[in-house]
C-alpha cells in the first residue's frame, strides 16, 4: 500500500522543515471515510484516534482522527494530512 511509505518517508521531512523554522510537530489531523481501511493504518503508524464523525459529509460518513505527538513538542503546531 502506497500510504505507508508516504507517511513514513514524509514525516521526517516535515519535522526537518518545521525545525528549520524553530517549530515542532505536535498533532496530526487526519480525515477519511468512516469505512476506509486507512483508519487502521493511521492508528497503527501514528497512534491516531477518531475524535469526530460527520454523517454523510461527502459520499459517506467522514471521520476526523487526531494523532497527538506530545512527546515531540515544546510548541504547538498542526500538520493536516488529507488523502482521498
N, C-alpha and C. Protein backbone atom coordinates (compact mmCIF):
# COMPACT_ATOMS: atom_id res chain seq x y z
N UNK A 1 0.84 -1.18 0.00
CA UNK A 1 0.00 0.00 0.00
C UNK A 1 0.89 1.25 0.00
N UNK A 2 0.60 2.17 -0.87
CA UNK A 2 1.42 3.37 -1.05
C UNK A 2 1.32 4.34 0.13
N UNK A 3 0.30 4.23 0.92
CA UNK A 3 0.09 5.16 2.03
C UNK A 3 1.16 5.03 3.11
N UNK A 4 1.58 3.81 3.40
CA UNK A 4 2.57 3.60 4.45
C UNK A 4 3.90 4.27 4.11
N UNK A 5 4.49 4.03 2.91
CA UNK A 5 5.74 4.74 2.59
C UNK A 5 5.55 6.26 2.56
N UNK A 6 4.40 6.72 2.12
CA UNK A 6 4.14 8.16 2.09
C UNK A 6 4.26 8.74 3.49
N UNK A 7 3.66 8.09 4.45
CA UNK A 7 3.69 8.58 5.83
C UNK A 7 5.09 8.43 6.42
N UNK A 8 5.69 7.25 6.30
CA UNK A 8 6.99 7.02 6.95
C UNK A 8 8.11 7.84 6.33
N UNK A 9 8.01 8.15 5.05
CA UNK A 9 9.05 8.97 4.41
C UNK A 9 8.81 10.46 4.56
N UNK A 10 7.56 10.88 4.59
CA UNK A 10 7.27 12.31 4.60
C UNK A 10 7.35 12.94 5.99
N UNK A 11 7.01 12.22 7.04
CA UNK A 11 7.02 12.82 8.37
C UNK A 11 8.41 13.30 8.81
N UNK A 12 9.48 12.53 8.57
CA UNK A 12 10.80 13.08 8.93
C UNK A 12 11.12 14.37 8.18
N UNK A 13 10.71 14.46 6.92
CA UNK A 13 10.94 15.68 6.15
C UNK A 13 10.12 16.84 6.70
N UNK A 14 8.89 16.57 7.08
CA UNK A 14 8.04 17.61 7.69
C UNK A 14 8.68 18.10 8.98
N UNK A 15 9.13 17.17 9.82
CA UNK A 15 9.78 17.56 11.08
C UNK A 15 11.03 18.39 10.82
N UNK A 16 11.81 18.01 9.82
CA UNK A 16 13.02 18.75 9.47
C UNK A 16 12.69 20.18 9.04
N UNK A 17 11.69 20.32 8.16
CA UNK A 17 11.29 21.64 7.68
C UNK A 17 10.77 22.52 8.82
N UNK A 18 10.00 21.93 9.70
CA UNK A 18 9.50 22.68 10.85
C UNK A 18 10.65 23.12 11.76
N UNK A 19 11.62 22.23 11.96
CA UNK A 19 12.76 22.56 12.80
C UNK A 19 13.54 23.75 12.24
N UNK A 20 13.60 23.85 10.91
CA UNK A 20 14.28 24.98 10.27
C UNK A 20 13.60 26.31 10.61
N UNK A 21 12.33 26.23 11.01
CA UNK A 21 11.56 27.42 11.39
C UNK A 21 11.39 27.52 12.90
N UNK A 22 12.22 26.78 13.65
CA UNK A 22 12.12 26.73 15.10
C UNK A 22 10.74 26.26 15.58
N UNK A 23 10.17 25.31 14.86
CA UNK A 23 8.86 24.76 15.21
C UNK A 23 8.97 23.26 15.34
N UNK A 24 7.97 22.67 15.95
CA UNK A 24 7.91 21.22 16.07
C UNK A 24 6.50 20.73 15.82
N UNK A 25 6.39 19.48 15.41
CA UNK A 25 5.10 18.85 15.14
C UNK A 25 4.49 18.37 16.45
N UNK A 26 3.24 18.71 16.68
CA UNK A 26 2.57 18.27 17.90
C UNK A 26 1.38 17.36 17.59
N UNK A 27 0.54 17.76 16.66
CA UNK A 27 -0.64 16.99 16.32
C UNK A 27 -0.72 16.79 14.82
N UNK A 28 -1.33 15.69 14.44
CA UNK A 28 -1.65 15.47 13.04
C UNK A 28 -3.15 15.24 12.97
N UNK A 29 -3.82 16.02 12.15
CA UNK A 29 -5.26 15.89 11.95
C UNK A 29 -5.49 15.17 10.63
N UNK A 30 -6.26 14.10 10.68
CA UNK A 30 -6.50 13.25 9.51
C UNK A 30 -7.99 13.12 9.32
N UNK A 31 -8.45 13.21 8.08
CA UNK A 31 -9.85 12.85 7.84
C UNK A 31 -9.92 11.85 6.69
N UNK A 32 -10.86 10.93 6.82
CA UNK A 32 -11.05 9.87 5.84
C UNK A 32 -12.47 9.32 5.99
N UNK A 33 -12.89 8.56 5.02
CA UNK A 33 -14.22 7.93 5.12
C UNK A 33 -14.26 6.98 6.30
N UNK A 34 -15.41 6.88 6.91
CA UNK A 34 -15.57 6.01 8.07
C UNK A 34 -15.32 4.54 7.72
N UNK A 35 -15.57 4.16 6.48
CA UNK A 35 -15.38 2.76 6.08
C UNK A 35 -14.03 2.52 5.39
N UNK A 36 -13.12 3.47 5.47
CA UNK A 36 -11.82 3.35 4.82
C UNK A 36 -10.84 2.57 5.71
N UNK A 37 -10.21 1.55 5.14
CA UNK A 37 -9.25 0.74 5.88
C UNK A 37 -8.04 1.58 6.35
N UNK A 38 -7.80 2.69 5.69
CA UNK A 38 -6.67 3.55 6.05
C UNK A 38 -6.73 3.98 7.51
N UNK A 39 -7.92 4.00 8.09
CA UNK A 39 -8.05 4.34 9.52
C UNK A 39 -7.15 3.46 10.37
N UNK A 40 -7.10 2.18 10.04
CA UNK A 40 -6.28 1.23 10.80
C UNK A 40 -4.80 1.54 10.64
N UNK A 41 -4.41 1.98 9.46
CA UNK A 41 -3.01 2.34 9.21
C UNK A 41 -2.65 3.57 10.02
N UNK A 42 -3.50 4.59 10.01
CA UNK A 42 -3.23 5.80 10.79
C UNK A 42 -3.12 5.49 12.28
N UNK A 43 -3.98 4.59 12.73
CA UNK A 43 -3.95 4.22 14.15
C UNK A 43 -2.65 3.48 14.47
N UNK A 44 -2.26 2.54 13.62
CA UNK A 44 -1.06 1.74 13.88
C UNK A 44 0.22 2.57 13.76
N UNK A 45 0.35 3.36 12.68
CA UNK A 45 1.58 4.11 12.43
C UNK A 45 1.71 5.37 13.29
N UNK A 46 0.59 6.04 13.51
CA UNK A 46 0.64 7.35 14.16
C UNK A 46 -0.01 7.38 15.53
N UNK A 47 -0.73 6.33 15.88
CA UNK A 47 -1.47 6.34 17.14
C UNK A 47 -2.70 7.23 17.07
N UNK A 48 -3.19 7.49 15.87
CA UNK A 48 -4.34 8.38 15.69
C UNK A 48 -5.61 7.75 16.26
N UNK A 49 -6.45 8.61 16.81
CA UNK A 49 -7.73 8.18 17.37
C UNK A 49 -8.86 8.98 16.73
N UNK A 50 -9.99 8.32 16.51
CA UNK A 50 -11.16 9.01 15.96
C UNK A 50 -11.69 9.96 17.02
N UNK A 51 -11.83 11.22 16.66
CA UNK A 51 -12.35 12.24 17.57
C UNK A 51 -13.77 12.66 17.22
N UNK A 52 -14.11 12.53 15.93
CA UNK A 52 -15.41 13.03 15.49
C UNK A 52 -15.81 12.33 14.20
N UNK A 53 -17.10 12.12 14.04
CA UNK A 53 -17.65 11.59 12.79
C UNK A 53 -18.73 12.55 12.31
N UNK A 54 -18.66 12.91 11.05
CA UNK A 54 -19.71 13.73 10.45
C UNK A 54 -20.47 12.85 9.47
N UNK A 55 -21.74 12.69 9.73
CA UNK A 55 -22.59 11.82 8.91
C UNK A 55 -22.79 12.43 7.53
N UNK A 56 -22.65 11.62 6.49
CA UNK A 56 -22.93 12.00 5.09
C UNK A 56 -22.24 13.30 4.67
N UNK A 57 -20.99 13.48 5.07
CA UNK A 57 -20.29 14.71 4.72
C UNK A 57 -19.99 14.77 3.22
N UNK A 58 -19.43 13.73 2.68
CA UNK A 58 -19.18 13.64 1.24
C UNK A 58 -20.07 12.53 0.71
N UNK A 59 -19.48 11.47 0.25
CA UNK A 59 -20.28 10.36 -0.27
C UNK A 59 -20.64 9.36 0.82
N UNK A 60 -20.10 9.57 2.01
CA UNK A 60 -20.37 8.68 3.15
C UNK A 60 -20.02 9.43 4.43
N UNK A 61 -20.07 8.73 5.55
CA UNK A 61 -19.65 9.34 6.81
C UNK A 61 -18.15 9.60 6.77
N UNK A 62 -17.73 10.71 7.35
CA UNK A 62 -16.32 11.10 7.38
C UNK A 62 -15.86 11.14 8.83
N UNK A 63 -14.72 10.49 9.11
CA UNK A 63 -14.17 10.54 10.45
C UNK A 63 -12.97 11.48 10.47
N UNK A 64 -12.82 12.16 11.59
CA UNK A 64 -11.67 13.03 11.82
C UNK A 64 -10.87 12.42 12.95
N UNK A 65 -9.61 12.15 12.67
CA UNK A 65 -8.72 11.50 13.62
C UNK A 65 -7.62 12.48 14.03
N UNK A 66 -7.13 12.31 15.25
CA UNK A 66 -6.03 13.14 15.72
C UNK A 66 -4.93 12.22 16.24
N UNK A 67 -3.72 12.45 15.75
CA UNK A 67 -2.53 11.78 16.29
C UNK A 67 -1.81 12.82 17.13
N UNK A 68 -1.71 12.56 18.41
CA UNK A 68 -1.07 13.50 19.33
C UNK A 68 0.39 13.10 19.52
N UNK A 69 1.27 13.99 19.15
CA UNK A 69 2.71 13.72 19.23
C UNK A 69 3.31 14.51 20.39
N UNK A 70 2.72 14.42 21.56
CA UNK A 70 3.08 15.26 22.70
C UNK A 70 4.54 15.12 23.12
N UNK A 71 5.11 13.95 22.93
CA UNK A 71 6.49 13.74 23.34
C UNK A 71 7.48 14.43 22.41
N UNK A 72 7.02 15.00 21.29
CA UNK A 72 7.90 15.70 20.35
C UNK A 72 7.96 17.19 20.61
N UNK A 73 7.17 17.72 21.51
CA UNK A 73 6.81 19.13 21.45
C UNK A 73 7.25 20.01 22.59
N UNK A 74 7.49 21.26 22.21
CA UNK A 74 7.55 22.34 23.18
C UNK A 74 6.66 23.48 22.71
N UNK A 75 6.24 23.42 21.46
CA UNK A 75 5.44 24.49 20.87
C UNK A 75 4.36 23.84 19.99
N UNK A 76 3.17 24.38 19.98
CA UNK A 76 2.06 23.80 19.23
C UNK A 76 2.15 24.08 17.74
N UNK A 77 2.00 23.05 16.96
CA UNK A 77 1.88 23.16 15.51
C UNK A 77 0.91 22.08 15.04
N UNK A 78 0.31 22.28 13.92
CA UNK A 78 -0.64 21.31 13.37
C UNK A 78 -0.27 21.00 11.93
N UNK A 79 -0.23 19.73 11.60
CA UNK A 79 0.03 19.30 10.23
C UNK A 79 -1.20 18.53 9.77
N UNK A 80 -1.77 18.91 8.68
CA UNK A 80 -3.03 18.35 8.21
C UNK A 80 -2.78 17.44 7.02
N UNK A 81 -3.14 16.18 7.15
CA UNK A 81 -3.00 15.23 6.05
C UNK A 81 -4.40 15.00 5.47
N UNK A 82 -4.55 15.23 4.19
CA UNK A 82 -5.84 15.00 3.53
C UNK A 82 -5.60 14.07 2.35
N UNK A 83 -6.02 12.84 2.49
CA UNK A 83 -5.85 11.85 1.43
C UNK A 83 -7.23 11.27 1.13
N UNK A 84 -7.65 11.37 -0.10
CA UNK A 84 -8.95 10.84 -0.51
C UNK A 84 -8.74 9.65 -1.43
